[in-house]
Protein backbone atom coordinates (compact mmCIF):
# COMPACT_ATOMS: atom_id res chain seq x y z
CA UNK A 1 -18.28 1.64 23.53
CA UNK A 2 -18.80 -0.69 26.49
CA UNK A 3 -22.47 -1.13 25.64
CA UNK A 4 -21.67 -1.82 21.96
CA UNK A 5 -19.12 -4.41 23.03
CA UNK A 6 -21.65 -6.05 25.34
CA UNK A 7 -24.25 -6.20 22.57
CA UNK A 8 -21.75 -7.78 20.17
CA UNK A 9 -20.69 -10.41 22.71
CA UNK A 10 -24.35 -11.21 23.34
CA UNK A 11 -24.88 -11.60 19.59
CA UNK A 12 -21.90 -13.94 19.28
CA UNK A 13 -23.11 -16.06 22.17
CA UNK A 14 -26.61 -16.17 20.72
CA UNK A 15 -25.24 -17.20 17.31
CA UNK A 16 -23.30 -20.08 18.85
CA UNK A 17 -26.48 -21.25 20.57
CA UNK A 18 -28.27 -21.11 17.17
CA UNK A 19 -31.00 -18.79 18.41
CA UNK A 20 -33.30 -17.60 15.57
CA UNK A 21 -31.84 -14.77 13.49
CA UNK A 22 -34.44 -12.24 14.61
CA UNK A 23 -33.46 -12.75 18.26
CA UNK A 24 -29.76 -12.45 17.44
CA UNK A 25 -30.43 -9.24 15.48
CA UNK A 26 -32.11 -7.64 18.50
CA UNK A 27 -28.89 -8.12 20.48
CA UNK A 28 -26.44 -7.30 17.67
CA UNK A 29 -27.88 -3.89 16.69
CA UNK A 30 -25.84 -1.75 14.32
CA UNK A 31 -22.07 -1.60 14.66
CA UNK A 32 -20.53 1.28 12.74
CA UNK A 33 -23.20 1.16 10.06
CA UNK A 34 -23.36 -2.61 9.53
CA UNK A 35 -26.98 -3.67 9.09
CA UNK A 36 -27.95 -5.57 12.27
CA UNK A 37 -29.74 -8.38 10.43
CA UNK A 38 -26.78 -8.81 8.07
CA UNK A 39 -24.41 -8.88 11.04
CA UNK A 40 -26.58 -11.46 12.80
CA UNK A 41 -26.70 -13.62 9.65
CA UNK A 42 -22.91 -13.45 9.33
CA UNK A 43 -22.40 -14.40 12.98
CA UNK A 44 -24.81 -17.30 12.62
CA UNK A 45 -23.01 -18.55 9.49
CA UNK A 46 -19.68 -18.21 11.28
CA UNK A 47 -20.98 -20.25 14.22
CA UNK A 48 -21.93 -23.04 11.80
CA UNK A 49 -18.26 -23.53 10.81
CA UNK A 50 -16.33 -23.23 14.09
CA UNK A 51 -13.55 -25.63 13.03
CA UNK A 52 -12.73 -23.50 9.97
CA UNK A 53 -12.23 -20.25 11.89
CA UNK A 54 -8.69 -19.92 13.24
CA UNK A 55 -8.39 -16.13 13.10
CA UNK A 56 -11.31 -15.27 15.38
CA UNK A 57 -10.73 -11.54 15.81
CA UNK A 58 -12.03 -10.33 12.44
CA UNK A 59 -15.27 -10.93 10.58
CA UNK A 60 -15.57 -9.77 6.96
CA UNK A 61 -18.94 -9.10 5.32
CA UNK A 62 -19.54 -8.12 1.69
CA UNK A 63 -22.99 -6.84 0.74
CA UNK A 64 -23.31 -7.13 -3.03
CA UNK A 65 -26.87 -5.81 -2.85
CA UNK A 66 -25.36 -2.32 -2.73
CA UNK A 67 -23.92 -0.55 -5.81
CA UNK A 68 -20.19 -0.86 -6.45
CA UNK A 69 -19.52 2.85 -5.96
CA UNK A 70 -20.51 2.60 -2.28
CA UNK A 71 -18.42 1.01 0.48
CA UNK A 72 -19.91 -2.46 0.93
CA UNK A 73 -17.09 -4.49 2.46
CA UNK A 74 -17.32 -4.40 6.24
CA UNK A 75 -14.29 -5.44 8.26
CA UNK A 76 -15.61 -6.05 11.77
CA UNK A 77 -13.18 -6.18 14.69
CA UNK A 78 -14.89 -8.49 17.18
CA UNK A 79 -12.52 -7.49 19.98
CA UNK A 80 -13.35 -3.79 19.83
CA UNK A 81 -16.90 -3.99 18.35
CA UNK A 82 -15.91 -1.57 15.58
CA UNK A 83 -15.84 -1.85 11.81
CA UNK A 84 -14.38 -0.26 8.70
CA UNK A 85 -16.30 0.13 5.42
CA UNK A 86 -14.34 -0.28 2.19
CA UNK A 87 -14.94 -0.39 -1.56
CA UNK A 88 -14.93 -3.84 -3.18
CA UNK A 89 -15.51 -5.02 -6.73
CA UNK A 90 -17.72 -7.81 -8.01
CA UNK A 91 -17.33 -10.14 -10.98
CA UNK A 92 -17.76 -9.04 -14.58
CA UNK A 93 -20.20 -11.89 -15.21
CA UNK A 94 -22.34 -10.79 -12.27
CA UNK A 95 -22.86 -7.34 -13.82
CA UNK A 96 -23.13 -7.91 -17.59
CA UNK A 97 -24.62 -4.47 -18.28
CA UNK A 98 -21.94 -2.77 -16.13
CA UNK A 99 -24.42 -0.62 -14.22
CA UNK A 100 -22.61 -1.11 -10.90
CA UNK A 101 -25.00 -3.72 -9.52
CA UNK A 102 -24.25 -7.44 -9.19
CA UNK A 103 -27.38 -9.15 -10.47
CA UNK A 104 -26.39 -12.81 -10.94
CA UNK A 105 -23.99 -15.11 -9.11
CA UNK A 106 -22.35 -18.42 -9.87
CA UNK A 107 -19.89 -21.01 -8.62
CA UNK A 108 -19.14 -22.24 -12.15
CA UNK A 109 -15.56 -22.09 -13.48
CA UNK A 110 -15.23 -19.62 -16.34
CA UNK A 111 -18.39 -17.68 -15.42
CA UNK A 112 -16.45 -14.62 -14.17
CA UNK A 113 -19.23 -14.23 -11.63
CA UNK A 114 -19.00 -13.59 -7.90
CA UNK A 115 -20.05 -16.38 -5.54
CA UNK A 116 -22.12 -15.98 -2.39
CA UNK A 117 -22.02 -17.56 1.05
CA UNK A 118 -19.51 -18.44 3.74
CA UNK A 119 -15.78 -18.48 3.12
CA UNK A 120 -12.67 -18.72 5.24
CA UNK A 121 -9.40 -17.06 4.30
CA UNK A 122 -6.30 -19.02 3.43
CA UNK A 123 -2.73 -17.82 3.16
CA UNK A 124 -1.36 -14.80 1.39
CA UNK A 125 0.82 -14.89 -1.72
CA UNK A 126 2.19 -12.51 -4.32
CA UNK A 127 0.74 -13.11 -7.79
CA UNK A 128 -0.12 -11.23 -10.97
CA UNK A 129 -2.18 -8.72 -8.96
CA UNK A 130 0.46 -8.29 -6.26
CA UNK A 131 -0.37 -9.20 -2.67
CA UNK A 132 -3.35 -11.59 -2.73
CA UNK A 133 -5.27 -13.80 -0.32
CA UNK A 134 -6.64 -17.26 -1.02
CA UNK A 135 -10.34 -17.84 -0.25
CA UNK A 136 -11.84 -21.22 0.63
CA UNK A 137 -15.55 -21.72 0.03
CA UNK A 138 -17.44 -23.53 2.79
CA UNK A 139 -20.76 -24.10 1.00
CA UNK A 140 -22.06 -25.60 -2.26
CA UNK A 141 -22.61 -22.03 -3.53
CA UNK A 142 -18.86 -21.33 -3.40
CA UNK A 143 -16.95 -24.60 -2.98
CA UNK A 144 -15.21 -24.07 -6.35
CA UNK A 145 -13.51 -20.86 -5.14
CA UNK A 146 -10.04 -22.40 -5.02
CA UNK A 147 -10.42 -24.16 -8.37
CA UNK A 148 -11.65 -20.89 -9.89
CA UNK A 149 -8.76 -18.93 -8.31
CA UNK A 150 -11.22 -16.64 -6.53
CA UNK A 151 -8.97 -14.58 -4.25
CA UNK A 152 -8.86 -11.18 -2.60
CA UNK A 153 -6.45 -8.86 -4.41
CA UNK A 154 -5.78 -5.23 -5.18
CA UNK A 155 -6.98 -3.53 -8.37
CA UNK A 156 -6.54 -0.13 -10.02
CA UNK A 157 -10.26 -0.05 -10.84
CA UNK A 158 -11.22 0.00 -7.15
CA UNK A 159 -10.59 3.59 -6.11
CA UNK A 160 -12.65 6.26 -4.32
CA UNK A 161 -14.43 8.73 -6.57
CA UNK A 162 -15.55 6.23 -9.20
CA UNK A 163 -19.34 6.10 -9.51
CA UNK A 164 -19.08 2.54 -10.85
CA UNK A 165 -16.07 0.37 -10.05
CA UNK A 166 -14.39 -1.84 -12.60
CA UNK A 167 -15.17 -5.54 -12.46
CA UNK A 168 -13.02 -8.54 -11.63
CA UNK A 169 -13.25 -12.10 -12.94
CA UNK A 170 -15.20 -13.04 -9.82
CA UNK A 171 -12.76 -11.96 -7.13
CA UNK A 172 -13.59 -9.49 -4.35
CA UNK A 173 -10.93 -6.92 -5.27
CA UNK A 174 -10.04 -3.98 -3.01
CA UNK A 175 -7.96 -0.89 -3.66
CA UNK A 176 -4.21 -1.55 -3.59
CA UNK A 177 -3.81 0.49 -0.41
CA UNK A 178 -6.65 -1.33 1.37
CA UNK A 179 -5.42 -4.78 0.36
CA UNK A 180 -1.95 -4.08 1.77
CA UNK A 181 -3.51 -3.19 5.10
CA UNK A 182 -6.38 -5.69 5.29
CA UNK A 183 -4.77 -8.96 4.16
CA UNK A 184 -2.32 -9.16 7.10
CA UNK A 185 -5.29 -8.71 9.44
CA UNK A 186 -7.59 -11.37 7.99
CA UNK A 187 -5.28 -14.04 6.57
CA UNK A 188 -5.14 -17.63 7.82
CA UNK A 189 -8.62 -18.59 8.91
CA UNK A 190 -10.74 -15.44 9.16
CA UNK A 191 -14.44 -15.71 8.27
CA UNK A 192 -15.89 -13.97 5.19
CA UNK A 193 -19.61 -13.78 4.50
CA UNK A 194 -20.89 -12.57 1.12
CA UNK A 195 -24.52 -11.75 0.34
CA UNK A 196 -26.30 -10.59 -2.82
CA UNK A 197 -29.65 -10.70 -4.68
């Protein structure tokens, strides 16, 4: 554990110094199954928006290159150098043939597609899907997230045992049990990095 923690701290320091991704990846290595290059990319993106990150303990990564039936949301605890892998949905518009793979992405209102890039979490609220978490896009690829009401919420169609999860209208939806546990951990300024394609 101590060596994993040391590697993670080295990766964070390297990311803040804007060392090339390949060098960061060599230090980051895999933490609980998170791809080291993906982790390095997320840390580098996080370092590019230091003023937006107020909840520095957790880093969330969603890998939409994986099929929906596999855990592809990684909640990384930067204090303990550990992570949890969870199921997460993608947008209906991103998977028009409903084969479980997100193929296309958009930031356009009404597209029902998932957006990619760097986000920071806002505050929690209770809405039509129950406990939900506002997401704020930090890049041109996702800066319409608030206007599109792209939020993290719970959904009945995100449950273990489904080969293909149901699809949202662009939101990263978790199971109801996961959302109750995760939102209090990552609300108010935690970094979220979403990749696809």
